[in-house]
């Protein structure tokens, strides 16, 4: 077993699952929390992440297959996705932006919020887009929660992909609109702008 990513909430390992390469995600104890409370939180988040991965798949979004969930040890073993992070290939493959927008709209249509929508959490695998890391995902029908997803991907595109930002984000929105229609998309973008203004005012203060 090999550690491939050390996160604030969980560690990610590359492991073997009955002869297949797999990813083992383990939520770490937080010593600053009461032990029983910490165990309860980690268990709930582990179960919620597994559920969200399944719900996203049902909504038409390609996600890693889940092999095993262990609530007691707060870990999930899932399919290892060997491919290219969209973060690294977006400039050469702009059409992926539209597909990301389609995936996001499919989640939102089913009241699923990813919570960490970045180009590092999309992988191109075998000519198919895969969305990973549902550790911060949750269920919500609030337009504000969904708008935060879009604001984050917009922020990531404008900073990490500045040279192609306008084209990439326009394609993302076109993909989103193709699923949810112009009316919903317009309301969502207005909410995104509102959130951005709030953030700017907060920084000035």
N, C-alpha and C. Protein backbone atom coordinates (compact mmCIF):
# COMPACT_ATOMS: atom_id res chain seq x y z
N UNK A 1 0.85 -1.20 0.00
CA UNK A 1 0.00 0.00 0.00
C UNK A 1 0.89 1.24 0.00
N UNK A 2 0.55 2.21 -0.84
CA UNK A 2 1.38 3.40 -1.00
C UNK A 2 0.54 4.66 -0.84
N UNK A 3 1.01 5.57 0.00
CA UNK A 3 0.33 6.85 0.20
C UNK A 3 0.51 7.69 -1.05
N UNK A 4 -0.61 8.16 -1.64
CA UNK A 4 -0.51 8.99 -2.84
C UNK A 4 -1.00 10.42 -2.61
N UNK A 5 -1.74 10.63 -1.53
CA UNK A 5 -2.19 11.99 -1.22
C UNK A 5 -2.52 12.09 0.26
N UNK A 6 -1.97 13.13 0.89
CA UNK A 6 -2.25 13.37 2.30
C UNK A 6 -3.12 14.61 2.39
N UNK A 7 -4.34 14.44 2.83
CA UNK A 7 -5.28 15.56 2.89
C UNK A 7 -5.56 15.99 4.31
N UNK A 8 -6.27 17.11 4.45
CA UNK A 8 -6.62 17.62 5.78
C UNK A 8 -7.59 16.69 6.49
N UNK A 9 -8.47 16.07 5.70
CA UNK A 9 -9.49 15.22 6.30
C UNK A 9 -9.20 13.73 6.13
N UNK A 10 -8.56 13.37 5.02
CA UNK A 10 -8.35 11.95 4.73
C UNK A 10 -7.04 11.72 4.00
N UNK A 11 -6.51 10.52 4.17
CA UNK A 11 -5.33 10.09 3.42
C UNK A 11 -5.77 9.13 2.32
N UNK A 12 -5.12 9.23 1.15
CA UNK A 12 -5.45 8.40 0.01
C UNK A 12 -4.28 7.46 -0.28
N UNK A 13 -4.59 6.18 -0.38
CA UNK A 13 -3.56 5.17 -0.64
C UNK A 13 -3.86 4.42 -1.93
N UNK A 14 -2.81 4.03 -2.62
CA UNK A 14 -2.95 3.10 -3.75
C UNK A 14 -2.76 1.71 -3.18
N UNK A 15 -3.73 0.84 -3.42
CA UNK A 15 -3.69 -0.48 -2.81
C UNK A 15 -4.13 -1.54 -3.82
N UNK A 16 -4.19 -2.77 -3.37
CA UNK A 16 -4.62 -3.89 -4.21
C UNK A 16 -5.94 -4.42 -3.67
N UNK A 17 -6.90 -4.64 -4.55
CA UNK A 17 -8.19 -5.19 -4.13
C UNK A 17 -8.50 -6.40 -5.00
N UNK A 18 -8.19 -7.55 -4.46
CA UNK A 18 -8.39 -8.82 -5.17
C UNK A 18 -7.82 -8.78 -6.59
N UNK A 19 -6.55 -8.34 -6.66
CA UNK A 19 -5.84 -8.35 -7.94
C UNK A 19 -6.03 -7.10 -8.77
N UNK A 20 -6.84 -6.15 -8.29
CA UNK A 20 -7.03 -4.90 -9.03
C UNK A 20 -6.39 -3.75 -8.27
N UNK A 21 -5.87 -2.78 -9.02
CA UNK A 21 -5.41 -1.56 -8.38
C UNK A 21 -6.64 -0.82 -7.85
N UNK A 22 -6.54 -0.31 -6.64
CA UNK A 22 -7.68 0.39 -6.04
C UNK A 22 -7.18 1.56 -5.20
N UNK A 23 -8.10 2.44 -4.87
CA UNK A 23 -7.81 3.58 -4.01
C UNK A 23 -8.47 3.34 -2.65
N UNK A 24 -7.69 3.53 -1.62
CA UNK A 24 -8.21 3.39 -0.24
C UNK A 24 -8.21 4.78 0.40
N UNK A 25 -9.39 5.28 0.73
CA UNK A 25 -9.52 6.60 1.35
C UNK A 25 -9.87 6.42 2.82
N UNK A 26 -9.00 6.91 3.69
CA UNK A 26 -9.17 6.73 5.13
C UNK A 26 -9.29 8.08 5.82
N UNK A 27 -10.40 8.30 6.50
CA UNK A 27 -10.58 9.54 7.26
C UNK A 27 -9.82 9.44 8.59
N UNK A 28 -9.03 10.48 8.84
CA UNK A 28 -8.14 10.45 10.00
C UNK A 28 -8.82 11.02 11.25
N UNK A 29 -8.51 10.48 12.42
CA UNK A 29 -9.04 11.03 13.68
C UNK A 29 -8.55 12.47 13.88
N UNK A 30 -9.41 13.29 14.48
CA UNK A 30 -9.04 14.67 14.81
C UNK A 30 -8.90 14.74 16.33
N UNK A 31 -7.67 14.93 16.79
CA UNK A 31 -7.41 14.90 18.23
C UNK A 31 -8.03 16.05 19.01
N UNK A 32 -8.37 17.14 18.31
CA UNK A 32 -8.96 18.28 19.00
C UNK A 32 -10.45 18.07 19.29
N UNK A 33 -11.03 17.00 18.71
CA UNK A 33 -12.45 16.72 18.95
C UNK A 33 -12.61 15.64 20.00
N UNK A 34 -13.72 15.67 20.69
CA UNK A 34 -14.08 14.57 21.59
C UNK A 34 -14.06 13.27 20.80
N UNK A 35 -13.50 12.20 21.37
CA UNK A 35 -13.28 10.96 20.64
C UNK A 35 -14.57 10.38 20.06
N UNK A 36 -15.61 10.33 20.89
CA UNK A 36 -16.87 9.74 20.42
C UNK A 36 -17.51 10.60 19.34
N UNK A 37 -17.43 11.92 19.52
CA UNK A 37 -17.97 12.84 18.51
C UNK A 37 -17.20 12.70 17.21
N UNK A 38 -15.87 12.61 17.33
CA UNK A 38 -15.01 12.47 16.15
C UNK A 38 -15.35 11.20 15.38
N UNK A 39 -15.52 10.09 16.10
CA UNK A 39 -15.85 8.82 15.45
C UNK A 39 -17.18 8.92 14.71
N UNK A 40 -18.15 9.58 15.36
CA UNK A 40 -19.47 9.73 14.76
C UNK A 40 -19.41 10.58 13.49
N UNK A 41 -18.67 11.68 13.54
CA UNK A 41 -18.54 12.57 12.38
C UNK A 41 -17.87 11.85 11.22
N UNK A 42 -16.77 11.16 11.50
CA UNK A 42 -16.04 10.47 10.44
C UNK A 42 -16.87 9.35 9.82
N UNK A 43 -17.62 8.65 10.66
CA UNK A 43 -18.48 7.58 10.15
C UNK A 43 -19.57 8.14 9.23
N UNK A 44 -20.23 9.22 9.68
CA UNK A 44 -21.29 9.83 8.88
C UNK A 44 -20.76 10.36 7.55
N UNK A 45 -19.59 10.98 7.57
CA UNK A 45 -19.02 11.54 6.35
C UNK A 45 -18.59 10.44 5.37
N UNK A 46 -18.12 9.34 5.92
CA UNK A 46 -17.73 8.21 5.07
C UNK A 46 -18.96 7.63 4.38
N UNK A 47 -20.02 7.42 5.14
CA UNK A 47 -21.25 6.87 4.57
C UNK A 47 -21.87 7.84 3.57
N UNK A 48 -21.82 9.14 3.90
CA UNK A 48 -22.40 10.15 2.99
C UNK A 48 -21.63 10.19 1.68
N UNK A 49 -20.30 10.12 1.75
CA UNK A 49 -19.51 10.17 0.52
C UNK A 49 -19.82 8.98 -0.38
N UNK A 50 -19.94 7.80 0.22
CA UNK A 50 -20.26 6.60 -0.56
C UNK A 50 -21.64 6.75 -1.22
N UNK A 51 -22.58 7.30 -0.44
CA UNK A 51 -23.94 7.49 -0.97
C UNK A 51 -23.93 8.50 -2.12
N UNK A 52 -23.18 9.59 -1.96
CA UNK A 52 -23.13 10.63 -3.00
C UNK A 52 -22.49 10.12 -4.29
N UNK A 53 -21.47 9.28 -4.15
CA UNK A 53 -20.85 8.68 -5.34
C UNK A 53 -21.88 7.86 -6.11
N UNK A 54 -22.68 7.11 -5.38
CA UNK A 54 -23.71 6.28 -6.01
C UNK A 54 -24.83 7.12 -6.62
N UNK A 55 -25.26 8.16 -5.90
CA UNK A 55 -26.33 9.03 -6.41
C UNK A 55 -25.87 9.79 -7.66
N UNK A 56 -24.61 10.21 -7.66
CA UNK A 56 -24.07 10.91 -8.83
C UNK A 56 -24.07 9.99 -10.05
N UNK A 57 -23.68 8.76 -9.83
CA UNK A 57 -23.67 7.78 -10.92
C UNK A 57 -25.09 7.58 -11.47
N UNK A 58 -26.05 7.51 -10.55
CA UNK A 58 -27.44 7.35 -10.94
C UNK A 58 -27.95 8.57 -11.73
N UNK A 59 -27.36 9.74 -11.44
CA UNK A 59 -27.75 10.98 -12.13
C UNK A 59 -27.12 11.10 -13.51
N UNK A 60 -26.23 10.15 -13.85
CA UNK A 60 -25.61 10.17 -15.18
C UNK A 60 -24.20 10.70 -15.20
N UNK A 61 -23.59 10.83 -14.02
CA UNK A 61 -22.21 11.31 -13.91
C UNK A 61 -21.30 10.11 -13.66
N UNK A 62 -20.25 9.99 -14.44
CA UNK A 62 -19.32 8.87 -14.26
C UNK A 62 -18.44 9.12 -13.05
N UNK A 63 -18.47 8.20 -12.10
CA UNK A 63 -17.67 8.30 -10.87
C UNK A 63 -16.97 6.96 -10.65
N UNK A 64 -15.97 6.92 -9.77
CA UNK A 64 -15.30 5.64 -9.50
C UNK A 64 -16.26 4.61 -8.91
N UNK A 65 -16.06 3.36 -9.26
CA UNK A 65 -16.83 2.28 -8.66
C UNK A 65 -16.42 2.10 -7.20
N UNK A 66 -17.40 1.84 -6.34
CA UNK A 66 -17.10 1.57 -4.93
C UNK A 66 -16.98 0.06 -4.75
N UNK A 67 -15.86 -0.37 -4.18
CA UNK A 67 -15.65 -1.80 -3.93
C UNK A 67 -16.06 -2.19 -2.51
N UNK A 68 -15.80 -1.29 -1.55
CA UNK A 68 -16.03 -1.65 -0.16
C UNK A 68 -16.13 -0.40 0.70
N UNK A 69 -17.06 -0.38 1.64
CA UNK A 69 -17.20 0.73 2.59
C UNK A 69 -17.11 0.15 4.01
N UNK A 70 -16.23 0.72 4.80
CA UNK A 70 -16.05 0.27 6.19
C UNK A 70 -16.31 1.44 7.12
N UNK A 71 -17.56 1.61 7.59
CA UNK A 71 -17.88 2.75 8.46
C UNK A 71 -17.10 2.73 9.78
N UNK A 72 -16.85 1.54 10.32
CA UNK A 72 -16.15 1.44 11.61
C UNK A 72 -14.75 2.03 11.52
N UNK A 73 -14.03 1.69 10.45
CA UNK A 73 -12.68 2.21 10.26
C UNK A 73 -12.66 3.44 9.37
N UNK A 74 -13.82 3.97 9.06
CA UNK A 74 -14.05 5.17 8.25
C UNK A 74 -13.19 5.18 6.98
N UNK A 75 -13.38 4.16 6.18
CA UNK A 75 -12.64 4.08 4.93
C UNK A 75 -13.50 3.58 3.78
N UNK A 76 -13.13 4.00 2.59
CA UNK A 76 -13.80 3.56 1.36
C UNK A 76 -12.72 3.02 0.43
N UNK A 77 -12.97 1.87 -0.15
CA UNK A 77 -12.07 1.35 -1.18
C UNK A 77 -12.81 1.45 -2.50
N UNK A 78 -12.19 2.10 -3.46
CA UNK A 78 -12.87 2.36 -4.73
C UNK A 78 -11.93 2.16 -5.92
N UNK A 79 -12.52 2.21 -7.07
CA UNK A 79 -11.79 2.03 -8.33
C UNK A 79 -10.66 3.05 -8.47
N UNK A 80 -9.52 2.59 -8.91
CA UNK A 80 -8.40 3.48 -9.21
C UNK A 80 -8.57 3.98 -10.65
N UNK A 81 -8.65 5.27 -10.80
CA UNK A 81 -8.83 5.88 -12.11
C UNK A 81 -7.48 6.37 -12.63
N UNK A 82 -6.94 5.66 -13.58
CA UNK A 82 -5.65 6.04 -14.16
C UNK A 82 -5.91 6.83 -15.43
N UNK A 83 -5.69 8.11 -15.35
CA UNK A 83 -5.92 8.96 -16.52
C UNK A 83 -5.24 10.30 -16.33
N UNK A 84 -5.65 11.29 -17.09
CA UNK A 84 -5.08 12.63 -17.02
C UNK A 84 -6.01 13.58 -16.28
N UNK A 85 -5.45 14.31 -15.33
CA UNK A 85 -6.23 15.33 -14.66
C UNK A 85 -6.59 16.41 -15.68
N UNK A 86 -7.84 16.83 -15.67
CA UNK A 86 -8.26 17.89 -16.60
C UNK A 86 -7.42 19.15 -16.38
N UNK A 87 -7.00 19.35 -15.15
CA UNK A 87 -6.12 20.49 -14.82
C UNK A 87 -4.91 20.56 -15.76
N UNK A 88 -4.39 19.38 -16.14
CA UNK A 88 -3.16 19.32 -16.93
C UNK A 88 -3.39 19.33 -18.44
N UNK A 89 -4.62 19.11 -18.86
CA UNK A 89 -4.85 18.95 -20.31
C UNK A 89 -5.93 19.87 -20.88
N UNK A 90 -6.51 20.71 -20.03
CA UNK A 90 -7.65 21.53 -20.47
C UNK A 90 -7.29 22.45 -21.63
N UNK A 91 -6.11 23.04 -21.60
CA UNK A 91 -5.71 23.98 -22.66
C UNK A 91 -5.67 23.31 -24.03
N UNK A 92 -5.37 22.01 -24.04
CA UNK A 92 -5.29 21.28 -25.31
C UNK A 92 -6.61 20.59 -25.67
N UNK A 93 -7.54 20.58 -24.73
CA UNK A 93 -8.80 19.87 -24.95
C UNK A 93 -9.95 20.65 -24.33
N UNK A 94 -10.22 21.82 -24.91
CA UNK A 94 -11.20 22.75 -24.34
C UNK A 94 -12.62 22.19 -24.26
N UNK A 95 -12.93 21.23 -25.14
CA UNK A 95 -14.30 20.69 -25.14
C UNK A 95 -14.64 20.01 -23.82
N UNK A 96 -13.61 19.67 -23.04
CA UNK A 96 -13.85 19.07 -21.72
C UNK A 96 -14.61 20.03 -20.81
N UNK A 97 -14.45 21.33 -21.06
CA UNK A 97 -15.16 22.33 -20.26
C UNK A 97 -16.67 22.15 -20.39
N UNK A 98 -17.12 21.91 -21.61
CA UNK A 98 -18.55 21.70 -21.84
C UNK A 98 -19.04 20.44 -21.12
N UNK A 99 -18.23 19.39 -21.19
CA UNK A 99 -18.61 18.15 -20.51
C UNK A 99 -18.66 18.33 -18.99
N UNK A 100 -17.74 19.14 -18.46
CA UNK A 100 -17.76 19.43 -17.02
C UNK A 100 -19.05 20.17 -16.64
N UNK A 101 -19.46 21.08 -17.52
CA UNK A 101 -20.72 21.80 -17.28
C UNK A 101 -21.92 20.87 -17.30
N UNK A 102 -21.90 19.90 -18.22
CA UNK A 102 -22.99 18.91 -18.30
C UNK A 102 -23.04 18.08 -17.02
N UNK A 103 -21.89 17.62 -16.57
CA UNK A 103 -21.83 16.82 -15.33
C UNK A 103 -22.37 17.62 -14.14
N UNK A 104 -21.94 18.88 -14.05
CA UNK A 104 -22.36 19.73 -12.93
C UNK A 104 -23.87 19.93 -12.94
N UNK A 105 -24.42 20.16 -14.12
CA UNK A 105 -25.88 20.36 -14.25
C UNK A 105 -26.64 19.09 -13.88
N UNK A 106 -26.11 17.93 -14.25
CA UNK A 106 -26.76 16.67 -13.89
C UNK A 106 -26.80 16.47 -12.38
N UNK A 107 -25.71 16.85 -11.72
CA UNK A 107 -25.70 16.80 -10.25
C UNK A 107 -26.76 17.74 -9.68
N UNK A 108 -26.72 18.99 -10.14
CA UNK A 108 -27.63 20.01 -9.60
C UNK A 108 -29.09 19.70 -9.89
N UNK A 109 -29.35 19.11 -11.04
CA UNK A 109 -30.71 18.72 -11.38
C UNK A 109 -31.27 17.73 -10.37
N UNK A 110 -30.37 16.95 -9.78
CA UNK A 110 -30.76 15.96 -8.77
C UNK A 110 -30.46 16.43 -7.35
N UNK A 111 -30.26 17.74 -7.20
CA UNK A 111 -30.00 18.37 -5.90
C UNK A 111 -28.76 17.81 -5.20
N UNK A 112 -27.74 17.51 -5.99
CA UNK A 112 -26.46 17.06 -5.45
C UNK A 112 -25.43 18.18 -5.64
N UNK A 113 -24.75 18.53 -4.58
CA UNK A 113 -23.72 19.57 -4.63
C UNK A 113 -22.38 18.91 -4.39
N UNK A 114 -21.44 19.12 -5.30
CA UNK A 114 -20.14 18.44 -5.18
C UNK A 114 -19.31 18.99 -4.03
N UNK A 115 -19.25 20.31 -3.92
CA UNK A 115 -18.55 20.93 -2.80
C UNK A 115 -17.07 21.21 -3.02
N UNK A 116 -16.47 20.61 -4.04
CA UNK A 116 -15.05 20.84 -4.32
C UNK A 116 -14.81 20.70 -5.83
N UNK A 117 -15.55 21.50 -6.58
CA UNK A 117 -15.55 21.39 -8.03
C UNK A 117 -14.33 22.11 -8.62
N UNK A 118 -13.26 21.36 -8.88
CA UNK A 118 -12.04 21.91 -9.45
C UNK A 118 -11.62 21.06 -10.65
N UNK A 119 -10.74 21.59 -11.46
CA UNK A 119 -10.26 20.83 -12.62
C UNK A 119 -9.34 19.68 -12.20
N UNK A 120 -8.93 19.66 -10.94
CA UNK A 120 -8.13 18.54 -10.42
C UNK A 120 -9.00 17.35 -10.04
N UNK A 121 -10.30 17.58 -9.92
CA UNK A 121 -11.21 16.50 -9.53
C UNK A 121 -11.98 15.91 -10.72
N UNK A 122 -11.58 16.33 -11.92
CA UNK A 122 -12.07 15.70 -13.15
C UNK A 122 -10.89 14.98 -13.80
N UNK A 123 -11.11 13.73 -14.20
CA UNK A 123 -10.05 12.95 -14.84
C UNK A 123 -10.57 12.42 -16.18
N UNK A 124 -9.73 12.54 -17.20
CA UNK A 124 -10.06 11.94 -18.49
C UNK A 124 -9.48 10.53 -18.50
N UNK A 125 -10.38 9.55 -18.51
CA UNK A 125 -9.99 8.14 -18.40
C UNK A 125 -10.63 7.34 -19.52
N UNK A 126 -9.81 6.78 -20.40
CA UNK A 126 -10.32 5.97 -21.49
C UNK A 126 -11.35 6.75 -22.32
N UNK A 127 -11.01 7.99 -22.65
CA UNK A 127 -11.86 8.91 -23.44
C UNK A 127 -13.16 9.29 -22.74
N UNK A 128 -13.23 9.05 -21.45
CA UNK A 128 -14.44 9.38 -20.70
C UNK A 128 -14.07 10.27 -19.52
N UNK A 129 -14.93 11.25 -19.23
CA UNK A 129 -14.71 12.14 -18.10
C UNK A 129 -15.21 11.48 -16.82
N UNK A 130 -14.38 11.51 -15.78
CA UNK A 130 -14.74 10.93 -14.49
C UNK A 130 -14.61 12.01 -13.42
N UNK A 131 -15.62 12.11 -12.58
CA UNK A 131 -15.60 13.08 -11.48
C UNK A 131 -15.28 12.34 -10.18
N UNK A 132 -14.28 12.84 -9.45
CA UNK A 132 -13.83 12.17 -8.23
C UNK A 132 -13.98 13.08 -7.01
N UNK A 133 -13.63 12.55 -5.85
CA UNK A 133 -13.55 13.25 -4.57
C UNK A 133 -14.86 13.91 -4.15
N UNK A 134 -15.76 13.10 -3.64
CA UNK A 134 -17.05 13.59 -3.15
C UNK A 134 -17.04 13.77 -1.63
N UNK A 135 -15.85 13.98 -1.08
CA UNK A 135 -15.70 14.10 0.37
C UNK A 135 -16.44 15.27 0.98
N UNK A 136 -16.67 16.33 0.20
CA UNK A 136 -17.38 17.51 0.72
C UNK A 136 -18.78 17.64 0.12
N UNK A 137 -19.22 16.63 -0.57
CA UNK A 137 -20.53 16.71 -1.26
C UNK A 137 -21.69 16.58 -0.28
N UNK A 138 -22.84 17.10 -0.70
CA UNK A 138 -24.03 17.02 0.14
C UNK A 138 -25.28 17.21 -0.72
N UNK A 139 -26.41 16.94 -0.10
CA UNK A 139 -27.70 17.05 -0.79
C UNK A 139 -28.31 18.41 -0.45
N UNK A 140 -28.74 19.16 -1.47
CA UNK A 140 -29.36 20.46 -1.21
C UNK A 140 -30.18 20.90 -2.43
N UNK A 141 -31.31 21.53 -2.16
CA UNK A 141 -32.11 22.09 -3.25
C UNK A 141 -31.97 23.62 -3.30
N UNK A 142 -31.04 24.16 -2.49
CA UNK A 142 -30.84 25.62 -2.43
C UNK A 142 -29.99 26.09 -3.61
N UNK A 143 -30.47 27.12 -4.30
CA UNK A 143 -29.75 27.66 -5.45
C UNK A 143 -28.38 28.19 -5.03
N UNK A 144 -28.29 28.74 -3.81
CA UNK A 144 -27.01 29.29 -3.34
C UNK A 144 -25.95 28.20 -3.23
N UNK A 145 -26.31 27.05 -2.70
CA UNK A 145 -25.35 25.96 -2.56
C UNK A 145 -24.83 25.50 -3.91
N UNK A 146 -25.73 25.42 -4.87
CA UNK A 146 -25.33 25.00 -6.23
C UNK A 146 -24.47 26.08 -6.89
N UNK A 147 -24.81 27.34 -6.64
CA UNK A 147 -24.05 28.45 -7.22
C UNK A 147 -22.61 28.48 -6.70
N UNK A 148 -22.41 28.02 -5.47
CA UNK A 148 -21.05 27.97 -4.91
C UNK A 148 -20.19 26.98 -5.70
N UNK A 149 -20.79 25.88 -6.16
CA UNK A 149 -20.08 24.94 -7.03
C UNK A 149 -19.56 25.65 -8.28
N UNK A 150 -20.43 26.41 -8.91
CA UNK A 150 -20.07 27.10 -10.16
C UNK A 150 -19.06 28.21 -9.90
N UNK A 151 -19.24 28.90 -8.80
CA UNK A 151 -18.29 29.97 -8.46
C UNK A 151 -16.88 29.39 -8.27
N UNK A 152 -16.80 28.22 -7.65
CA UNK A 152 -15.48 27.62 -7.41
C UNK A 152 -14.80 27.23 -8.72
N UNK A 153 -15.55 26.56 -9.63
CA UNK A 153 -14.93 26.15 -10.90
C UNK A 153 -14.55 27.40 -11.71
N UNK A 154 -15.34 28.44 -11.60
CA UNK A 154 -15.02 29.70 -12.29
C UNK A 154 -13.73 30.30 -11.73
N UNK A 155 -13.61 30.27 -10.42
CA UNK A 155 -12.42 30.81 -9.75
C UNK A 155 -11.17 30.01 -10.13
N UNK A 156 -11.32 28.69 -10.17
CA UNK A 156 -10.19 27.83 -10.54
C UNK A 156 -9.77 28.09 -11.99
N UNK A 157 -10.77 28.20 -12.87
CA UNK A 157 -10.45 28.45 -14.28
C UNK A 157 -9.77 29.79 -14.47
N UNK A 158 -10.21 30.81 -13.73
CA UNK A 158 -9.64 32.15 -13.90
C UNK A 158 -8.23 32.25 -13.35
N UNK A 159 -7.88 31.38 -12.39
CA UNK A 159 -6.53 31.45 -11.82
C UNK A 159 -5.59 30.42 -12.43
N UNK A 160 -5.99 29.15 -12.43
CA UNK A 160 -5.12 28.08 -12.94
C UNK A 160 -5.12 27.99 -14.47
N UNK A 161 -6.16 28.54 -15.10
CA UNK A 161 -6.27 28.44 -16.56
C UNK A 161 -6.58 29.82 -17.15
N UNK A 162 -5.85 30.82 -16.68
CA UNK A 162 -6.13 32.22 -17.04
C UNK A 162 -6.12 32.49 -18.53
N UNK A 163 -5.21 31.87 -19.26
CA UNK A 163 -5.08 32.16 -20.70
C UNK A 163 -6.28 31.67 -21.52
N UNK A 164 -7.01 30.71 -21.00
CA UNK A 164 -8.17 30.17 -21.73
C UNK A 164 -9.46 30.36 -20.94
N UNK A 165 -9.39 31.16 -19.89
CA UNK A 165 -10.52 31.27 -18.95
C UNK A 165 -11.86 31.56 -19.63
N UNK A 166 -11.91 32.62 -20.44
CA UNK A 166 -13.20 33.02 -21.01
C UNK A 166 -13.80 31.91 -21.87
N UNK A 167 -13.00 31.34 -22.75
CA UNK A 167 -13.51 30.26 -23.62
C UNK A 167 -13.92 29.04 -22.80
N UNK A 168 -13.09 28.70 -21.82
CA UNK A 168 -13.37 27.51 -21.01
C UNK A 168 -14.65 27.68 -20.20
N UNK A 169 -14.80 28.84 -19.57
CA UNK A 169 -15.98 29.04 -18.73
C UNK A 169 -17.25 29.19 -19.57
N UNK A 170 -17.13 29.83 -20.74
CA UNK A 170 -18.28 29.93 -21.65
C UNK A 170 -18.76 28.55 -22.08
N UNK A 171 -17.82 27.66 -22.37
CA UNK A 171 -18.17 26.29 -22.76
C UNK A 171 -18.78 25.52 -21.59
N UNK A 172 -18.26 25.75 -20.41
CA UNK A 172 -18.81 25.13 -19.20
C UNK A 172 -20.29 25.51 -19.05
N UNK A 173 -20.57 26.80 -19.19
CA UNK A 173 -21.94 27.29 -19.05
C UNK A 173 -22.84 26.76 -20.16
N UNK A 174 -22.31 26.63 -21.37
CA UNK A 174 -23.12 26.06 -22.46
C UNK A 174 -23.49 24.62 -22.15
N UNK A 175 -22.54 23.88 -21.60
CA UNK A 175 -22.84 22.50 -21.21
C UNK A 175 -23.89 22.45 -20.11
N UNK A 176 -23.75 23.33 -19.16
CA UNK A 176 -24.71 23.40 -18.03
C UNK A 176 -26.11 23.72 -18.56
N UNK A 177 -26.16 24.71 -19.44
CA UNK A 177 -27.44 25.15 -20.01
C UNK A 177 -28.10 24.07 -20.86
N UNK A 178 -27.30 23.23 -21.50
CA UNK A 178 -27.87 22.18 -22.36
C UNK A 178 -28.67 21.16 -21.55
N UNK A 179 -28.41 21.10 -20.24
CA UNK A 179 -29.14 20.17 -19.37
C UNK A 179 -30.28 20.88 -18.64
N UNK A 180 -30.01 22.06 -18.10
CA UNK A 180 -30.99 22.73 -17.23
C UNK A 180 -31.74 23.88 -17.89
N UNK A 181 -31.32 24.25 -19.12
CA UNK A 181 -32.04 25.29 -19.84
C UNK A 181 -31.58 26.69 -19.48
N UNK A 182 -31.91 27.67 -20.33
CA UNK A 182 -31.43 29.05 -20.16
C UNK A 182 -31.97 29.75 -18.92
N UNK A 183 -33.22 29.48 -18.54
CA UNK A 183 -33.83 30.17 -17.41
C UNK A 183 -33.12 29.82 -16.09
N UNK A 184 -32.96 28.53 -15.83
CA UNK A 184 -32.28 28.08 -14.60
C UNK A 184 -30.82 28.55 -14.60
N UNK A 185 -30.17 28.45 -15.76
CA UNK A 185 -28.76 28.84 -15.87
C UNK A 185 -28.59 30.33 -15.59
N UNK A 186 -29.50 31.14 -16.11
CA UNK A 186 -29.45 32.59 -15.88
C UNK A 186 -29.59 32.92 -14.40
N UNK A 187 -30.53 32.24 -13.74
CA UNK A 187 -30.72 32.46 -12.29
C UNK A 187 -29.47 32.05 -11.52
N UNK A 188 -28.87 30.95 -11.94
CA UNK A 188 -27.66 30.45 -11.28
C UNK A 188 -26.52 31.44 -11.42
N UNK A 189 -26.34 32.00 -12.63
CA UNK A 189 -25.25 32.95 -12.86
C UNK A 189 -25.46 34.25 -12.09
N UNK A 190 -26.71 34.66 -11.94
CA UNK A 190 -27.00 35.86 -11.14
C UNK A 190 -26.62 35.62 -9.68
N UNK A 191 -26.90 34.42 -9.20
CA UNK A 191 -26.54 34.07 -7.82
C UNK A 191 -25.02 34.02 -7.65
N UNK A 192 -24.34 33.51 -8.67
CA UNK A 192 -22.86 33.46 -8.63
C UNK A 192 -22.31 34.88 -8.52
N UNK A 193 -22.84 35.79 -9.32
CA UNK A 193 -22.40 37.19 -9.29
C UNK A 193 -22.66 37.81 -7.92
N UNK A 194 -23.81 37.49 -7.37
CA UNK A 194 -24.17 38.00 -6.04
C UNK A 194 -23.17 37.52 -4.98
N UNK A 195 -22.81 36.26 -5.04
CA UNK A 195 -21.85 35.69 -4.09
C UNK A 195 -20.48 36.34 -4.26
N UNK A 196 -20.09 36.56 -5.51
CA UNK A 196 -18.79 37.20 -5.78
C UNK A 196 -18.75 38.62 -5.23
N UNK A 197 -19.84 39.36 -5.38
CA UNK A 197 -19.90 40.73 -4.86
C UNK A 197 -19.78 40.74 -3.34
N UNK A 198 -20.45 39.80 -2.70
CA UNK A 198 -20.38 39.66 -1.26
C UNK A 198 -18.93 39.45 -0.82
N UNK A 199 -18.23 38.58 -1.56
CA UNK A 199 -16.84 38.27 -1.24
C UNK A 199 -15.95 39.49 -1.38
N UNK A 200 -16.18 40.26 -2.43
CA UNK A 200 -15.36 41.47 -2.66
C UNK A 200 -15.58 42.49 -1.56
N UNK A 201 -16.82 42.68 -1.18
CA UNK A 201 -17.11 43.65 -0.11
C UNK A 201 -16.48 43.20 1.20
N UNK A 202 -16.53 41.90 1.45
CA UNK A 202 -15.98 41.36 2.69
C UNK A 202 -14.47 41.61 2.76
N UNK A 203 -13.77 41.48 1.62
CA UNK A 203 -12.32 41.67 1.59
C UNK A 203 -11.97 43.16 1.81
N UNK A 204 -12.80 44.05 1.26
CA UNK A 204 -12.55 45.49 1.43
C UNK A 204 -12.61 45.85 2.90
N UNK A 205 -13.64 45.34 3.60
CA UNK A 205 -13.81 45.60 5.03
C UNK A 205 -12.65 44.99 5.78
